[in-house]
Amino acid sequence: MARVRARSAMSLDGYSAGPEQTLSEPLGKGGERLHGWAFEEAHNRQAHGLEGGQVNASTPVMVDATANIGAVVMGRKMFGGGPGPWNEDEPWRGWWGDDPPFHTPVFVLTNHPREPVEMEGGTTFHFVGDGIESAVAQALEAADGLDVSIAGGASTVQQAIRAGLLDELLIHLAPVVLGGGESLLGGLDPEATAFEIVAVVDAPGVTHLTYRLVR
């Protein structure tokens, strides 16, 4: 049965992005430090069209995290392009260049729908204006029996949790304190949200924590 899986890097104080996020600094102040381990890991580098990197304890985690994914859901900020209506003169096509690392249909939550954007490598961005339930439903249909990945950001992950749509959450816990920013899980109802541990993997520069959502 297809699962809905989310994953996100997180600081020790609970943030998935630092403060003062901008178009030029989308992860906020210090946010790139959450991903230092991933920049060095071989499978992640390969997914982004880069060579080299380390094969270490993170590698099987990343292989599993990207396996069996048939569609992706993400928020407007993760796709980028700034808030408000899209710039029609220079249409934003994402942060990832002409060949994004998804290679599946991607459903972007936005208040400003637009026509799909077809990229190289099998990635097509679809823009969904009627909420997380619709985005996940469309993603599950497009995935055709494979899993759906909630790629982020924090608001999109929280929306999936609140709607009871998320099956599994993988947190890449970095030994970093950001002091503010975008909280990954802050604001969730503690009486309505429960997790059980599936796996803990200690790797260079990061601890990978996999949780199953308890219905």
C-alpha atoms as a PDB file:
ATOM      1  CA  MET A   1       0.000   0.000   0.000  1.00  0.00           C
ATOM      2  CA  ALA A   2       1.297   3.440  -0.908  1.00  0.00           C
ATOM      3  CA  ARG A   3       2.606   5.536   1.949  1.00  0.00           C
ATOM      4  CA  VAL A   4       2.854   9.299   2.410  1.00  0.00           C
ATOM      5  CA  ARG A   5       6.345  10.027   3.721  1.00  0.00           C
ATOM      6  CA  ALA A   6       7.957  13.299   4.760  1.00  0.00           C
ATOM      7  CA  ARG A   7      11.552  14.123   5.517  1.00  0.00           C
ATOM      8  CA  SER A   8      13.271  17.264   6.708  1.00  0.00           C
ATOM      9  CA  ALA A   9      16.526  18.432   8.198  1.00  0.00           C
ATOM     10  CA  MET A  10      16.119  19.908  11.678  1.00  0.00           C
ATOM     11  CA  SER A  11      18.318  21.757  14.158  1.00  0.00           C
ATOM     12  CA  LEU A  12      18.699  20.701  17.790  1.00  0.00           C
ATOM     13  CA  ASP A  13      16.313  23.515  18.749  1.00  0.00           C
ATOM     14  CA  GLY A  14      13.669  22.322  16.304  1.00  0.00           C
ATOM     15  CA  TYR A  15      14.012  24.506  13.212  1.00  0.00           C
ATOM     16  CA  SER A  16      14.038  23.375   9.585  1.00  0.00           C
ATOM     17  CA  ALA A  17      15.193  26.794   8.348  1.00  0.00           C
ATOM     18  CA  GLY A  18      16.898  29.721  10.018  1.00  0.00           C
ATOM     19  CA  PRO A  19      15.551  33.236  10.587  1.00  0.00           C
ATOM     20  CA  GLU A  20      15.311  35.936   7.912  1.00  0.00           C
ATOM     21  CA  GLN A  21      14.543  33.730   4.915  1.00  0.00           C
ATOM     22  CA  THR A  22      14.890  35.586   1.601  1.00  0.00           C
ATOM     23  CA  LEU A  23      15.047  34.727  -2.101  1.00  0.00           C
ATOM     24  CA  SER A  24      18.817  34.998  -1.982  1.00  0.00           C
ATOM     25  CA  GLU A  25      19.025  33.058   1.304  1.00  0.00           C
ATOM     26  CA  PRO A  26      16.032  30.669   1.216  1.00  0.00           C
ATOM     27  CA  LEU A  27      17.187  28.600   4.210  1.00  0.00           C
ATOM     28  CA  GLY A  28      17.564  31.689   6.388  1.00  0.00           C
ATOM     29  CA  LYS A  29      20.521  32.700   8.518  1.00  0.00           C
ATOM     30  CA  GLY A  30      22.597  29.604   9.239  1.00  0.00           C
ATOM     31  CA  GLY A  31      20.114  27.256   7.574  1.00  0.00           C
ATOM     32  CA  GLU A  32      22.648  25.751   5.193  1.00  0.00           C
ATOM     33  CA  ARG A  33      24.453  24.282   8.205  1.00  0.00           C
ATOM     34  CA  LEU A  34      21.551  21.833   8.552  1.00  0.00           C
ATOM     35  CA  HIS A  35      22.594  20.213   5.278  1.00  0.00           C
ATOM     36  CA  GLY A  36      26.376  20.107   5.548  1.00  0.00           C
ATOM     37  CA  TRP A  37      26.340  16.321   5.933  1.00  0.00           C
ATOM     38  CA  ALA A  38      24.188  15.959   2.784  1.00  0.00           C
ATOM     39  CA  PHE A  39      26.515  18.092   0.663  1.00  0.00           C
ATOM     40  CA  GLU A  40      29.248  15.525   1.350  1.00  0.00           C
ATOM     41  CA  GLU A  41      27.187  12.309   0.987  1.00  0.00           C
ATOM     42  CA  ALA A  42      27.561  10.409  -2.304  1.00  0.00           C
ATOM     43  CA  HIS A  43      23.944   9.414  -3.017  1.00  0.00           C
ATOM     44  CA  ASN A  44      22.641  12.924  -2.379  1.00  0.00           C
ATOM     45  CA  ARG A  45      25.343  14.401  -4.618  1.00  0.00           C
ATOM     46  CA  GLN A  46      24.473  11.940  -7.383  1.00  0.00           C
ATOM     47  CA  ALA A  47      20.784  12.902  -7.148  1.00  0.00           C
ATOM     48  CA  HIS A  48      21.800  16.510  -7.810  1.00  0.00           C
ATOM     49  CA  GLY A  49      24.007  15.597 -10.755  1.00  0.00           C
ATOM     50  CA  LEU A  50      27.277  15.878  -8.828  1.00  0.00           C
ATOM     51  CA  GLU A  51      30.149  13.426  -8.654  1.00  0.00           C
ATOM     52  CA  GLY A  52      32.131  12.129  -5.702  1.00  0.00           C
ATOM     53  CA  GLY A  53      31.147  12.290  -2.067  1.00  0.00           C
ATOM     54  CA  GLN A  54      31.340   9.957   0.887  1.00  0.00           C
ATOM     55  CA  VAL A  55      29.663   6.596   1.234  1.00  0.00           C
ATOM     56  CA  ASN A  56      28.865   6.358   4.942  1.00  0.00           C
ATOM     57  CA  ALA A  57      26.023   5.515   7.344  1.00  0.00           C
ATOM     58  CA  SER A  58      23.848   8.195   5.720  1.00  0.00           C
ATOM     59  CA  THR A  59      23.996   6.494   2.320  1.00  0.00           C
ATOM     60  CA  PRO A  60      21.523   3.631   2.907  1.00  0.00           C
ATOM     61  CA  VAL A  61      19.203   6.084   4.669  1.00  0.00           C
ATOM     62  CA  MET A  62      19.212   8.358   1.625  1.00  0.00           C
ATOM     63  CA  VAL A  63      18.816   5.445  -0.779  1.00  0.00           C
ATOM     64  CA  ASP A  64      15.753   4.258   1.154  1.00  0.00           C
ATOM     65  CA  ALA A  65      14.353   7.789   1.495  1.00  0.00           C
ATOM     66  CA  THR A  66      14.371   8.297  -2.270  1.00  0.00           C
ATOM     67  CA  ALA A  67      13.279   4.778  -3.279  1.00  0.00           C
ATOM     68  CA  ASN A  68       9.743   3.872  -4.352  1.00  0.00           C
ATOM     69  CA  ILE A  69       8.703   7.539  -4.698  1.00  0.00           C
ATOM     70  CA  GLY A  70       6.151   8.139  -7.427  1.00  0.00           C
ATOM     71  CA  ALA A  71       5.206  11.770  -6.733  1.00  0.00           C
ATOM     72  CA  VAL A  72       6.209  14.687  -4.523  1.00  0.00           C
ATOM     73  CA  VAL A  73       4.305  17.407  -2.648  1.00  0.00           C
ATOM     74  CA  MET A  74       5.973  20.651  -1.581  1.00  0.00           C
ATOM     75  CA  GLY A  75       5.067  24.133  -0.417  1.00  0.00           C
ATOM     76  CA  ARG A  76       5.394  27.376  -2.333  1.00  0.00           C
ATOM     77  CA  LYS A  77       8.462  28.477  -0.366  1.00  0.00           C
ATOM     78  CA  MET A  78      10.303  25.265  -1.153  1.00  0.00           C
ATOM     79  CA  PHE A  79       9.566  25.731  -4.849  1.00  0.00           C
ATOM     80  CA  GLY A  80      10.536  29.393  -4.479  1.00  0.00           C
ATOM     81  CA  GLY A  81       9.916  32.433  -6.588  1.00  0.00           C
ATOM     82  CA  GLY A  82       8.781  34.684  -3.744  1.00  0.00           C
ATOM     83  CA  PRO A  83       5.304  35.300  -2.323  1.00  0.00           C
ATOM     84  CA  GLY A  84       2.319  36.650  -4.214  1.00  0.00           C
ATOM     85  CA  PRO A  85       1.464  36.300  -7.905  1.00  0.00           C
ATOM     86  CA  TRP A  86       4.046  34.732 -10.195  1.00  0.00           C
ATOM     87  CA  ASN A  87       6.339  36.934 -12.255  1.00  0.00           C
ATOM     88  CA  GLU A  88       5.030  36.391 -15.781  1.00  0.00           C
ATOM     89  CA  ASP A  89       7.959  38.189 -17.425  1.00  0.00           C
ATOM     90  CA  GLU A  90      10.520  35.803 -15.910  1.00  0.00           C
ATOM     91  CA  PRO A  91       8.521  32.734 -14.754  1.00  0.00           C
ATOM     92  CA  TRP A  92      10.142  30.969 -11.804  1.00  0.00           C
ATOM     93  CA  ARG A  93      10.996  27.327 -12.566  1.00  0.00           C
ATOM     94  CA  GLY A  94      12.358  26.188  -9.177  1.00  0.00           C
ATOM     95  CA  TRP A  95      15.697  26.194  -7.433  1.00  0.00           C
ATOM     96  CA  TRP A  96      17.126  23.090  -9.135  1.00  0.00           C
ATOM     97  CA  GLY A  97      18.039  24.032 -12.694  1.00  0.00           C
ATOM     98  CA  ASP A  98      16.725  22.399 -15.855  1.00  0.00           C
ATOM     99  CA  ASP A  99      16.906  18.822 -14.488  1.00  0.00           C
ATOM    100  CA  PRO A 100      15.506  18.826 -10.917  1.00  0.00           C
ATOM    101  CA  PRO A 101      16.314  15.836  -8.673  1.00  0.00           C
ATOM    102  CA  PHE A 102      12.706  14.602  -8.355  1.00  0.00           C
ATOM    103  CA  HIS A 103      12.092  12.808 -11.708  1.00  0.00           C
ATOM    104  CA  THR A 104       8.386  12.491 -10.858  1.00  0.00           C
ATOM    105  CA  PRO A 105       5.318  14.733 -10.882  1.00  0.00           C
ATOM    106  CA  VAL A 106       5.633  17.417  -8.165  1.00  0.00           C
ATOM    107  CA  PHE A 107       2.563  19.115  -6.685  1.00  0.00           C
ATOM    108  CA  VAL A 108       3.237  22.608  -5.325  1.00  0.00           C
ATOM    109  CA  LEU A 109       0.866  24.166  -2.774  1.00  0.00           C
ATOM    110  CA  THR A 110       0.185  27.788  -3.699  1.00  0.00           C
ATOM    111  CA  ASN A 111      -2.468  30.485  -3.516  1.00  0.00           C
ATOM    112  CA  HIS A 112      -1.566  31.436  -7.091  1.00  0.00           C
ATOM    113  CA  PRO A 113      -2.078  28.475  -9.445  1.00  0.00           C
ATOM    114  CA  ARG A 114      -0.407  28.458 -12.863  1.00  0.00           C
ATOM    115  CA  GLU A 115       0.010  26.098 -15.777  1.00  0.00           C
ATOM    116  CA  PRO A 116       2.236  23.026 -15.200  1.00  0.00           C
ATOM    117  CA  VAL A 117       5.962  23.464 -15.772  1.00  0.00           C
ATOM    118  CA  GLU A 118       7.591  20.503 -17.515  1.00  0.00           C
ATOM    119  CA  MET A 119      11.309  20.049 -16.836  1.00  0.00           C
ATOM    120  CA  GLU A 120      13.976  17.603 -17.969  1.00  0.00           C
ATOM    121  CA  GLY A 121      14.345  14.157 -16.414  1.00  0.00           C
ATOM    122  CA  GLY A 122      10.656  13.435 -15.864  1.00  0.00           C
ATOM    123  CA  THR A 123       9.891  16.249 -13.402  1.00  0.00           C
ATOM    124  CA  THR A 124       6.713  18.256 -14.009  1.00  0.00           C
ATOM    125  CA  PHE A 125       5.605  20.861 -11.477  1.00  0.00           C
ATOM    126  CA  HIS A 126       1.827  21.085 -10.966  1.00  0.00           C
ATOM    127  CA  PHE A 127       0.407  23.991  -8.955  1.00  0.00           C
ATOM    128  CA  VAL A 128      -2.412  23.219  -6.516  1.00  0.00           C
ATOM    129  CA  GLY A 129      -4.576  25.993  -5.101  1.00  0.00           C
ATOM    130  CA  ASP A 130      -7.128  24.019  -3.094  1.00  0.00           C
ATOM    131  CA  GLY A 131      -5.124  22.683  -0.167  1.00  0.00           C
ATOM    132  CA  ILE A 132      -3.053  19.802   1.157  1.00  0.00           C
ATOM    133  CA  GLU A 133      -5.795  17.181   0.846  1.00  0.00           C
ATOM    134  CA  SER A 134      -6.155  17.879  -2.870  1.00  0.00           C
ATOM    135  CA  ALA A 135      -2.381  17.955  -3.409  1.00  0.00           C
ATOM    136  CA  VAL A 136      -1.849  14.609  -1.674  1.00  0.00           C
ATOM    137  CA  ALA A 137      -4.823  13.037  -3.461  1.00  0.00           C
ATOM    138  CA  GLN A 138      -3.461  14.147  -6.836  1.00  0.00           C
ATOM    139  CA  ALA A 139       0.015  12.952  -5.893  1.00  0.00           C
ATOM    140  CA  LEU A 140      -1.253   9.512  -4.842  1.00  0.00           C
ATOM    141  CA  GLU A 141      -3.104   9.153  -8.133  1.00  0.00           C
ATOM    142  CA  ALA A 142      -0.033  10.213 -10.110  1.00  0.00           C
ATOM    143  CA  ALA A 143       2.208   7.888  -8.076  1.00  0.00           C
ATOM    144  CA  ASP A 144       0.122   4.899  -9.246  1.00  0.00           C
ATOM    145  CA  GLY A 145       0.812   2.673  -6.251  1.00  0.00           C
ATOM    146  CA  LEU A 146       4.216   4.093  -5.316  1.00  0.00           C
ATOM    147  CA  ASP A 147       4.816   6.290  -2.273  1.00  0.00           C
ATOM    148  CA  VAL A 148       4.341  10.055  -2.068  1.00  0.00           C
ATOM    149  CA  SER A 149       7.081  12.236  -0.586  1.00  0.00           C
ATOM    150  CA  ILE A 150       6.235  15.418   1.316  1.00  0.00           C
ATOM    151  CA  ALA A 151       9.430  17.305   0.546  1.00  0.00           C
ATOM    152  CA  GLY A 152       8.731  20.365   2.715  1.00  0.00           C
ATOM    153  CA  GLY A 153       8.847  22.933   3.997  1.00  0.00           C
ATOM    154  CA  ALA A 154       7.767  22.832   7.609  1.00  0.00           C
ATOM    155  CA  SER A 155       4.306  24.295   6.998  1.00  0.00           C
ATOM    156  CA  THR A 156       3.515  21.647   4.393  1.00  0.00           C
ATOM    157  CA  VAL A 157       4.683  18.841   6.703  1.00  0.00           C
ATOM    158  CA  GLN A 158       2.506  20.222   9.502  1.00  0.00           C
ATOM    159  CA  GLN A 159      -0.509  20.521   7.216  1.00  0.00           C
ATOM    160  CA  ALA A 160      -0.124  16.855   6.240  1.00  0.00           C
ATOM    161  CA  ILE A 161       0.130  15.827   9.903  1.00  0.00           C
ATOM    162  CA  ARG A 162      -2.921  17.865  10.946  1.00  0.00           C
ATOM    163  CA  ALA A 163      -4.954  16.431   8.073  1.00  0.00           C
ATOM    164  CA  GLY A 164      -4.049  12.873   9.129  1.00  0.00           C
ATOM    165  CA  LEU A 165      -2.373  12.226   5.773  1.00  0.00           C
ATOM    166  CA  LEU A 166       1.204  11.491   6.849  1.00  0.00           C
ATOM    167  CA  ASP A 167       2.351   7.940   7.519  1.00  0.00           C
ATOM    168  CA  GLU A 168       6.071   8.425   8.204  1.00  0.00           C
ATOM    169  CA  LEU A 169       8.431  11.259   9.129  1.00  0.00           C
ATOM    170  CA  LEU A 170      12.208  11.123   8.656  1.00  0.00           C
ATOM    171  CA  ILE A 171      14.130  13.834  10.519  1.00  0.00           C
ATOM    172  CA  HIS A 172      17.762  14.518   9.671  1.00  0.00           C
ATOM    173  CA  LEU A 173      18.843  15.954  13.041  1.00  0.00           C
ATOM    174  CA  ALA A 174      21.928  18.164  12.653  1.00  0.00           C
ATOM    175  CA  PRO A 175      24.080  19.192  15.646  1.00  0.00           C
ATOM    176  CA  VAL A 176      23.275  22.850  15.002  1.00  0.00           C
ATOM    177  CA  VAL A 177      21.430  25.504  17.027  1.00  0.00           C
ATOM    178  CA  LEU A 178      19.736  28.189  14.906  1.00  0.00           C
ATOM    179  CA  GLY A 179      18.052  30.214  17.652  1.00  0.00           C
ATOM    180  CA  GLY A 180      14.953  30.907  15.558  1.00  0.00           C
ATOM    181  CA  GLY A 181      13.426  30.422  12.155  1.00  0.00           C
ATOM    182  CA  GLU A 182      10.813  27.999  10.835  1.00  0.00           C
ATOM    183  CA  SER A 183       9.853  25.385  13.413  1.00  0.00           C
ATOM    184  CA  LEU A 184       9.333  21.904  11.991  1.00  0.00           C
ATOM    185  CA  LEU A 185       6.827  20.656  14.570  1.00  0.00           C
ATOM    186  CA  GLY A 186       6.053  23.663  16.761  1.00  0.00           C
ATOM    187  CA  GLY A 187       2.370  24.481  17.078  1.00  0.00           C
ATOM    188  CA  LEU A 188       1.035  20.960  16.552  1.00  0.00           C
ATOM    189  CA  ASP A 189      -1.649  19.830  18.993  1.00  0.00           C
ATOM    190  CA  PRO A 190       0.142  17.533  21.487  1.00  0.00           C
ATOM    191  CA  GLU A 191      -3.138  15.766  22.273  1.00  0.00           C
ATOM    192  CA  ALA A 192      -3.755  14.945  18.617  1.00  0.00           C
ATOM    193  CA  THR A 193      -0.215  14.106  17.480  1.00  0.00           C
ATOM    194  CA  ALA A 194       1.641  10.928  18.414  1.00  0.00           C
ATOM    195  CA  PHE A 195       4.738   9.267  16.984  1.00  0.00           C
ATOM    196  CA  GLU A 196       6.464   5.944  17.449  1.00  0.00           C
ATOM    197  CA  ILE A 197      10.142   5.357  16.690  1.00  0.00           C
ATOM    198  CA  VAL A 198      10.951   3.182  13.694  1.00  0.00           C
ATOM    199  CA  ALA A 199      14.720   3.664  13.346  1.00  0.00           C
ATOM    200  CA  VAL A 200      17.666   5.703  14.598  1.00  0.00           C
ATOM    201  CA  VAL A 201      20.858   5.915  12.510  1.00  0.00           C
ATOM    202  CA  ASP A 202      23.918   7.790  13.724  1.00  0.00           C
ATOM    203  CA  ALA A 203      26.056   9.113  10.844  1.00  0.00           C
ATOM    204  CA  PRO A 204      28.824  11.681  10.349  1.00  0.00           C
ATOM    205  CA  GLY A 205      27.369  15.108  11.128  1.00  0.00           C
ATOM    206  CA  VAL A 206      23.763  13.954  11.490  1.00  0.00           C
ATOM    207  CA  THR A 207      21.381  11.559  13.251  1.00  0.00           C
ATOM    208  CA  HIS A 208      18.560  10.137  11.127  1.00  0.00           C
ATOM    209  CA  LEU A 209      15.330   9.620  13.105  1.00  0.00           C
ATOM    210  CA  THR A 210      12.432   7.785  11.472  1.00  0.00           C
ATOM    211  CA  TYR A 211       9.000   7.992  13.095  1.00  0.00           C
ATOM    212  CA  ARG A 212       5.654   6.449  12.256  1.00  0.00           C
ATOM    213  CA  LEU A 213       2.574   8.602  12.811  1.00  0.00           C
ATOM    214  CA  VAL A 214       0.075   6.986  15.183  1.00  0.00           C
ATOM    215  CA  ARG A 215      -3.501   7.449  14.002  1.00  0.00           C
END
